[in-house]
C-alpha atoms as a PDB file:
ATOM      1  CA  MET A   1      -0.231  -0.013   0.083  1.00  0.00           C
ATOM      2  CA  ASN A   2       1.628   3.104  -1.281  1.00  0.00           C
ATOM      3  CA  PHE A   3       0.276   5.658   1.361  1.00  0.00           C
ATOM      4  CA  LYS A   4       2.296   8.384   0.687  1.00  0.00           C
ATOM      5  CA  GLN A   5       0.781   8.861  -2.329  1.00  0.00           C
ATOM      6  CA  HIS A   6      -2.381   8.553  -0.169  1.00  0.00           C
ATOM      7  CA  LYS A   7      -0.984  11.121   1.122  1.00  0.00           C
ATOM      8  CA  LYS A   8      -0.020  13.357  -1.374  1.00  0.00           C
ATOM      9  CA  ASP A   9      -3.490  12.696  -3.612  1.00  0.00           C
ATOM     10  CA  LEU A  10      -5.397  13.899  -0.535  1.00  0.00           C
ATOM     11  CA  LEU A  11      -2.984  17.259  -0.387  1.00  0.00           C
ATOM     12  CA  GLU A  12      -4.025  17.845  -4.132  1.00  0.00           C
ATOM     13  CA  GLY A  13      -7.606  17.743  -3.061  1.00  0.00           C
ATOM     14  CA  LYS A  14      -8.249  14.411  -4.032  1.00  0.00           C
ATOM     15  CA  ASP A  15     -10.123  11.462  -2.733  1.00  0.00           C
ATOM     16  CA  VAL A  16      -8.326   7.976  -2.598  1.00  0.00           C
ATOM     17  CA  SER A  17      -8.964   4.602  -1.755  1.00  0.00           C
ATOM     18  CA  PHE A  18      -7.182   1.114   0.003  1.00  0.00           C
ATOM     19  CA  SER A  19      -7.917  -2.003   1.843  1.00  0.00           C
ATOM     20  CA  PRO A  20      -5.390  -1.120   5.408  1.00  0.00           C
ATOM     21  CA  LYS A  21      -4.896  -4.482   7.042  1.00  0.00           C
ATOM     22  CA  GLY A  22      -5.798  -5.073  10.746  1.00  0.00           C
ATOM     23  CA  ASN A  23      -8.213  -5.956  13.477  1.00  0.00           C
ATOM     24  CA  SER A  24      -7.701  -2.821  15.766  1.00  0.00           C
ATOM     25  CA  MET A  25     -10.674  -0.872  13.987  1.00  0.00           C
ATOM     26  CA  LYS A  26     -13.405  -4.127  14.038  1.00  0.00           C
ATOM     27  CA  PRO A  27     -16.109  -4.055  13.457  1.00  0.00           C
ATOM     28  CA  LYS A  28     -16.361  -0.664  12.140  1.00  0.00           C
ATOM     29  CA  ILE A  29     -13.444  -1.526   9.540  1.00  0.00           C
ATOM     30  CA  ASN A  30     -12.994  -5.320   9.035  1.00  0.00           C
ATOM     31  CA  SER A  31      -9.380  -6.377   7.326  1.00  0.00           C
ATOM     32  CA  GLY A  32      -8.912  -5.579   4.039  1.00  0.00           C
ATOM     33  CA  ASP A  33     -12.464  -3.634   3.994  1.00  0.00           C
ATOM     34  CA  LYS A  34     -12.029  -1.460   0.796  1.00  0.00           C
ATOM     35  CA  VAL A  35     -12.716   2.802   2.259  1.00  0.00           C
ATOM     36  CA  THR A  36     -12.639   6.272   0.653  1.00  0.00           C
ATOM     37  CA  VAL A  37     -11.459   8.865   2.239  1.00  0.00           C
ATOM     38  CA  SER A  38     -12.070  12.024   1.557  1.00  0.00           C
ATOM     39  CA  PRO A  39      -9.988  15.835   2.297  1.00  0.00           C
ATOM     40  CA  VAL A  40     -11.913  17.590   4.803  1.00  0.00           C
ATOM     41  CA  ASP A  41     -10.883  20.629   7.090  1.00  0.00           C
ATOM     42  CA  ASN A  42     -13.388  19.721   9.488  1.00  0.00           C
ATOM     43  CA  ILE A  43     -12.364  17.218  11.939  1.00  0.00           C
ATOM     44  CA  LYS A  44     -14.342  15.798  15.676  1.00  0.00           C
ATOM     45  CA  LYS A  45     -13.601  13.275  17.993  1.00  0.00           C
ATOM     46  CA  GLY A  46     -15.530  10.037  16.869  1.00  0.00           C
ATOM     47  CA  ASP A  47     -14.260  10.668  13.104  1.00  0.00           C
ATOM     48  CA  ILE A  48     -12.331   7.823  11.368  1.00  0.00           C
ATOM     49  CA  VAL A  49      -9.351   9.387   9.938  1.00  0.00           C
ATOM     50  CA  PHE A  50      -6.633   8.335   7.103  1.00  0.00           C
ATOM     51  CA  CYS A  51      -3.429  10.418   9.613  1.00  0.00           C
ATOM     52  CA  LYS A  52       0.096   9.792  10.850  1.00  0.00           C
ATOM     53  CA  VAL A  53       1.330  10.160  14.126  1.00  0.00           C
ATOM     54  CA  LYS A  54       4.414   9.097  15.630  1.00  0.00           C
ATOM     55  CA  GLY A  55       5.720   8.724  12.195  1.00  0.00           C
ATOM     56  CA  ASN A  56       3.006   5.381  10.956  1.00  0.00           C
ATOM     57  CA  PHE A  57       0.193   5.952   8.778  1.00  0.00           C
ATOM     58  CA  TYR A  58      -3.483   4.940  10.374  1.00  0.00           C
ATOM     59  CA  VAL A  59      -6.867   4.434   9.454  1.00  0.00           C
ATOM     60  CA  HIS A  60      -7.769   4.795  13.252  1.00  0.00           C
ATOM     61  CA  LEU A  61     -10.168   6.926  15.457  1.00  0.00           C
ATOM     62  CA  VAL A  62      -9.909  10.425  16.644  1.00  0.00           C
ATOM     63  CA  LYS A  63     -10.220  10.098  20.545  1.00  0.00           C
ATOM     64  CA  ALA A  64     -10.100  13.506  21.637  1.00  0.00           C
ATOM     65  CA  VAL A  65      -9.485  17.583  20.422  1.00  0.00           C
ATOM     66  CA  GLN A  66      -7.292  19.997  22.423  1.00  0.00           C
ATOM     67  CA  GLY A  67      -7.567  22.930  20.004  1.00  0.00           C
ATOM     68  CA  GLU A  68      -5.318  21.901  17.340  1.00  0.00           C
ATOM     69  CA  LYS A  69      -4.028  18.457  18.729  1.00  0.00           C
ATOM     70  CA  TYR A  70      -5.890  15.218  17.902  1.00  0.00           C
ATOM     71  CA  LEU A  71      -5.693  12.487  20.204  1.00  0.00           C
ATOM     72  CA  ILE A  72      -5.754   8.986  17.642  1.00  0.00           C
ATOM     73  CA  GLY A  73      -6.475   5.120  18.337  1.00  0.00           C
ATOM     74  CA  ASN A  74      -7.752   2.550  17.403  1.00  0.00           C
ATOM     75  CA  ASN A  75     -12.069   0.864  18.235  1.00  0.00           C
ATOM     76  CA  LYS A  76     -10.152  -1.601  20.736  1.00  0.00           C
ATOM     77  CA  GLY A  77      -9.845   1.351  23.102  1.00  0.00           C
ATOM     78  CA  ARG A  78      -5.408   1.515  22.298  1.00  0.00           C
ATOM     79  CA  THR A  79      -4.323   5.116  21.768  1.00  0.00           C
ATOM     80  CA  ASN A  80      -1.113   5.623  19.116  1.00  0.00           C
ATOM     81  CA  GLY A  81      -1.287   9.413  20.660  1.00  0.00           C
ATOM     82  CA  TRP A  82      -1.655  12.761  19.650  1.00  0.00           C
ATOM     83  CA  THR A  83      -0.970  14.378  16.110  1.00  0.00           C
ATOM     84  CA  ASN A  84      -1.377  18.087  14.830  1.00  0.00           C
ATOM     85  CA  LYS A  85      -4.201  18.770  11.951  1.00  0.00           C
ATOM     86  CA  SER A  86      -1.224  19.058   9.624  1.00  0.00           C
ATOM     87  CA  ASN A  87      -0.769  14.839  10.153  1.00  0.00           C
ATOM     88  CA  ILE A  88      -4.648  13.955   9.550  1.00  0.00           C
ATOM     89  CA  PHE A  89      -4.675  13.887   5.525  1.00  0.00           C
ATOM     90  CA  GLY A  90      -8.376  13.199   5.169  1.00  0.00           C
ATOM     91  CA  LYS A  91     -11.579  11.466   6.768  1.00  0.00           C
ATOM     92  CA  VAL A  92     -13.017   8.296   6.099  1.00  0.00           C
ATOM     93  CA  ILE A  93     -16.749   8.760   4.249  1.00  0.00           C
ATOM     94  CA  LYS A  94     -16.989   5.098   3.059  1.00  0.00           C
ATOM     95  CA  VAL A  95     -16.370   1.798   3.434  1.00  0.00           C
ATOM     96  CA  GLU A  96     -17.034  -1.598   1.974  1.00  0.00           C
ATOM     97  CA  GLN A  97     -16.300  -4.937   2.814  1.00  0.00           C
ATOM     98  CA  ASN A  98     -14.827  -7.322   2.200  1.00  0.00           C
ATOM     99  CA  THR A  99     -16.459  -9.828   0.476  1.00  0.00           C
ATOM    100  CA  LYS A 100     -13.447 -12.197  -0.439  1.00  0.00           C
ATOM    101  CA  LYS A 101     -13.255 -13.103   3.176  1.00  0.00           C
END
């Protein structure tokens, strides 16, 4: 998966679609489901975003907001850490179930 290209496309105002792997967002997103991410300015607690935290890319939840800082975490109760708005590249606007399980 080319996360750097997805970041570039989102920063250029384009929607991107890809299938993240892993189980940390179940049942909201299952491993292999196709997500569509759209550039967004308005980010709030509870949104699922494509972001970078401590050098790693994630499709995870916004757990808390403090000014321009966002706490990112999975759907299993764990957190990845705080990140700046500039490291949130887009918001998940659609999830399509993987039918090839």
